[in-house]
């Protein structure tokens, strides 16, 4: 019998939080909220959380809005954020969205309420980094809109094909290795089936061995 996917997702998330706290990397994190077939961060506000692809807003404004509104799953001490949310039907993930966004290398050691007032804080901004991984099997169009794809920066047409839907653990491992040089070897609870098509394999794409 297939494992309860929601339980596995929540367990995986808690394992990730534990690891990041042990590494002294976390300022704040929010618990998952389950609403019908959606699983997302508690306190999600659709009016301010989905501000990507706004052509009239800067990276600084995007991340400041997310942080001030606590519209994230995890907030790290360099003030970067993770977002993760799922749509689940019949114990199967049919849609998933994961985002990592970072503006600087400035570390916040003070986690008091005053230090969390990003509206008043002057941040040392570097070159913005935004990586998003989406999975949406119902919106798949061969090559044009791969079922699993990565978007770099705030570019709507950027959809780099991915072998399969990444688990959140795989996404966090990818970020920790390539942004922070940290190797995280926790056991993966969720292994997804390959979704990339033969046509998409002929494009430059993202692949890995299980």
Protein backbone atom coordinates (compact mmCIF):
# COMPACT_ATOMS: atom_id res chain seq x y z
CA UNK A 1 0.00 0.00 0.00
CA UNK A 2 1.23 3.47 -0.90
CA UNK A 3 2.35 5.65 2.01
CA UNK A 4 0.22 8.61 3.05
CA UNK A 5 1.81 11.34 0.91
CA UNK A 6 0.76 14.17 3.24
CA UNK A 7 2.35 12.47 6.24
CA UNK A 8 5.56 11.88 4.27
CA UNK A 9 5.66 15.53 3.13
CA UNK A 10 5.20 16.82 6.69
CA UNK A 11 7.77 14.38 8.11
CA UNK A 12 10.26 15.36 5.40
CA UNK A 13 9.69 19.05 6.15
CA UNK A 14 10.28 18.56 9.89
CA UNK A 15 13.48 16.62 9.16
CA UNK A 16 14.71 19.50 6.99
CA UNK A 17 13.89 22.08 9.67
CA UNK A 18 15.74 20.02 12.28
CA UNK A 19 18.84 19.83 10.06
CA UNK A 20 18.80 23.58 9.28
CA UNK A 21 18.38 24.47 12.95
CA UNK A 22 21.31 22.20 13.84
CA UNK A 23 23.33 24.14 11.24
CA UNK A 24 22.22 27.40 12.91
CA UNK A 25 20.73 28.64 9.63
CA UNK A 26 17.09 29.35 10.56
CA UNK A 27 15.44 32.55 11.76
CA UNK A 28 11.84 31.41 11.37
CA UNK A 29 9.66 28.71 9.85
CA UNK A 30 5.93 28.14 9.50
CA UNK A 31 4.00 24.91 9.85
CA UNK A 32 2.11 23.37 6.96
CA UNK A 33 -1.59 24.19 6.71
CA UNK A 34 -3.96 21.70 5.15
CA UNK A 35 -7.00 23.14 3.39
CA UNK A 36 -9.03 20.54 1.51
CA UNK A 37 -6.52 19.18 -1.03
CA UNK A 38 -3.96 21.99 -0.59
CA UNK A 39 -0.93 21.77 1.68
CA UNK A 40 0.91 25.05 2.18
CA UNK A 41 2.47 27.30 4.83
CA UNK A 42 0.28 28.49 7.70
CA UNK A 43 -0.93 32.04 7.32
CA UNK A 44 -0.77 32.03 3.53
CA UNK A 45 -2.27 35.21 2.09
CA UNK A 46 -2.94 34.92 -1.64
CA UNK A 47 -3.16 38.70 -1.99
CA UNK A 48 0.54 39.13 -1.23
CA UNK A 49 2.20 35.71 -1.60
CA UNK A 50 1.82 35.28 -5.37
CA UNK A 51 3.57 38.42 -6.60
CA UNK A 52 6.02 36.78 -9.00
CA UNK A 53 5.95 37.67 -12.70
CA UNK A 54 4.93 41.22 -11.86
CA UNK A 55 6.85 43.22 -14.46
CA UNK A 56 6.68 46.39 -12.38
CA UNK A 57 8.23 45.10 -9.16
CA UNK A 58 11.88 44.62 -8.22
CA UNK A 59 13.47 41.58 -6.58
CA UNK A 60 13.93 43.66 -3.43
CA UNK A 61 10.23 44.47 -3.31
CA UNK A 62 9.25 40.84 -3.89
CA UNK A 63 11.34 39.39 -1.07
CA UNK A 64 10.57 42.26 1.33
CA UNK A 65 6.84 41.68 0.75
CA UNK A 66 7.17 37.96 1.38
CA UNK A 67 9.21 38.44 4.55
CA UNK A 68 7.11 41.23 6.05
CA UNK A 69 3.94 39.25 5.42
CA UNK A 70 5.55 36.00 6.70
CA UNK A 71 4.67 34.42 3.36
CA UNK A 72 7.28 31.68 3.47
CA UNK A 73 7.88 28.17 4.71
CA UNK A 74 11.42 28.87 5.97
CA UNK A 75 13.37 32.09 6.58
CA UNK A 76 17.15 31.64 6.85
CA UNK A 77 19.67 33.82 8.68
CA UNK A 78 20.92 35.34 5.44
CA UNK A 79 17.28 36.48 5.05
CA UNK A 80 16.65 34.17 2.11
CA UNK A 81 13.31 32.39 1.93
CA UNK A 82 11.88 29.03 0.92
CA UNK A 83 8.26 28.60 -0.14
CA UNK A 84 6.63 25.23 -0.73
CA UNK A 85 3.07 24.19 -1.47
CA UNK A 86 1.28 21.14 -2.83
CA UNK A 87 -2.05 20.19 -4.35
CA UNK A 88 -2.90 16.58 -3.59
CA UNK A 89 -5.68 14.38 -4.96
CA UNK A 90 -6.22 10.67 -4.22
CA UNK A 91 -2.97 10.52 -2.24
CA UNK A 92 -1.02 11.82 -5.25
CA UNK A 93 0.70 15.18 -5.79
CA UNK A 94 -0.81 16.74 -8.90
CA UNK A 95 0.70 20.20 -8.47
CA UNK A 96 3.69 21.52 -6.55
CA UNK A 97 5.52 24.84 -6.31
CA UNK A 98 8.87 25.44 -4.58
CA UNK A 99 10.77 28.70 -4.47
CA UNK A 100 14.10 29.89 -3.08
CA UNK A 101 14.97 33.57 -3.11
CA UNK A 102 18.09 35.35 -1.82
CA UNK A 103 19.30 38.95 -1.97
CA UNK A 104 22.52 39.11 0.04
CA UNK A 105 25.04 37.25 2.19
CA UNK A 106 24.31 39.40 5.23
CA UNK A 107 23.76 37.18 8.29
CA UNK A 108 21.21 38.03 10.98
CA UNK A 109 22.24 36.69 14.39
CA UNK A 110 19.56 38.62 16.26
CA UNK A 111 16.21 36.84 15.88
CA UNK A 112 14.24 39.20 18.13
CA UNK A 113 10.97 40.73 16.98
CA UNK A 114 12.74 44.04 16.31
CA UNK A 115 15.24 42.38 13.94
CA UNK A 116 12.34 40.81 12.03
CA UNK A 117 10.95 44.22 11.10
CA UNK A 118 12.26 44.12 7.54
CA UNK A 119 10.23 47.18 6.60
CA UNK A 120 12.51 49.38 8.68
CA UNK A 121 15.72 47.53 7.89
CA UNK A 122 18.24 48.70 5.30
CA UNK A 123 19.53 45.62 3.59
CA UNK A 124 22.88 45.20 1.87
CA UNK A 125 21.65 43.95 -1.50
CA UNK A 126 23.80 41.83 -3.79
CA UNK A 127 22.84 40.12 -7.06
CA UNK A 128 19.36 38.64 -6.52
CA UNK A 129 18.94 34.87 -6.85
CA UNK A 130 15.53 33.36 -7.51
CA UNK A 131 15.05 29.67 -8.31
CA UNK A 132 11.62 28.14 -8.65
CA UNK A 133 10.65 24.52 -9.36
CA UNK A 134 7.13 23.77 -10.51
CA UNK A 135 5.23 20.58 -11.14
CA UNK A 136 1.81 20.67 -12.79
CA UNK A 137 0.85 17.54 -14.66
CA UNK A 138 -2.49 18.98 -15.86
CA UNK A 139 -0.82 21.99 -17.54
CA UNK A 140 1.78 19.96 -19.41
CA UNK A 141 2.52 20.92 -23.02
CA UNK A 142 5.46 19.09 -24.55
CA UNK A 143 8.62 21.29 -24.47
CA UNK A 144 6.56 24.49 -24.10
CA UNK A 145 5.44 23.72 -20.54
CA UNK A 146 7.17 20.62 -19.11
CA UNK A 147 5.23 18.94 -16.31
CA UNK A 148 8.31 19.40 -14.10
CA UNK A 149 10.46 22.46 -14.75
CA UNK A 150 12.79 25.03 -13.18
CA UNK A 151 12.44 28.79 -13.55
CA UNK A 152 15.48 31.02 -12.98
CA UNK A 153 14.87 34.62 -11.96
CA UNK A 154 11.52 36.28 -12.53
CA UNK A 155 11.21 35.18 -16.17
CA UNK A 156 7.78 33.85 -17.09
CA UNK A 157 8.89 31.95 -20.21
CA UNK A 158 11.85 30.26 -18.50
CA UNK A 159 10.89 26.60 -18.02
CA UNK A 160 13.93 24.29 -17.95
CA UNK A 161 12.74 20.65 -18.17
CA UNK A 162 13.41 18.47 -15.11
CA UNK A 163 13.58 14.69 -14.99
CA UNK A 164 10.70 14.41 -12.53
CA UNK A 165 8.93 16.31 -9.83
CA UNK A 166 11.49 17.13 -7.13
CA UNK A 167 10.66 16.43 -3.53
CA UNK A 168 11.21 19.36 -1.16
CA UNK A 169 14.18 17.47 0.27
CA UNK A 170 15.76 17.20 -3.18
CA UNK A 171 15.18 20.93 -3.72
CA UNK A 172 16.73 21.85 -0.37
CA UNK A 173 19.71 19.55 -1.07
CA UNK A 174 20.18 21.30 -4.42
CA UNK A 175 20.14 24.76 -2.81
CA UNK A 176 22.35 23.82 0.14
CA UNK A 177 24.99 22.24 -2.11
CA UNK A 178 25.04 24.92 -4.81
CA UNK A 179 24.49 28.06 -2.71
CA UNK A 180 26.03 27.19 0.65
CA UNK A 181 28.40 24.30 -0.11
CA UNK A 182 26.61 22.10 2.45
CA UNK A 183 26.09 18.39 1.81
CA UNK A 184 22.82 17.09 3.24
CA UNK A 185 22.45 13.30 3.06
CA UNK A 186 19.10 12.68 4.71
CA UNK A 187 17.11 9.71 3.39
CA UNK A 188 14.51 10.66 0.81
CA UNK A 189 10.98 9.66 1.77
CA UNK A 190 9.39 10.69 -1.52
CA UNK A 191 10.60 9.37 -4.88
CA UNK A 192 8.61 10.61 -7.86
CA UNK A 193 8.17 8.93 -11.22
CA UNK A 194 9.87 10.38 -14.29
CA UNK A 195 7.73 12.91 -16.15
CA UNK A 196 10.14 14.26 -18.77
CA UNK A 197 9.24 13.37 -22.37
CA UNK A 198 11.58 12.13 -25.10
CA UNK A 199 11.33 15.52 -26.83
CA UNK A 200 12.23 17.36 -23.63
CA UNK A 201 15.22 15.04 -23.08
CA UNK A 202 16.63 16.36 -26.36
CA UNK A 203 16.64 19.87 -24.84
CA UNK A 204 19.12 20.92 -22.18
CA UNK A 205 17.47 19.66 -19.01
CA UNK A 206 18.10 18.73 -15.37
CA UNK A 207 18.71 15.08 -14.57
CA UNK A 208 20.03 13.03 -11.63
CA UNK A 209 20.48 9.42 -10.55
CA UNK A 210 18.32 8.04 -7.75
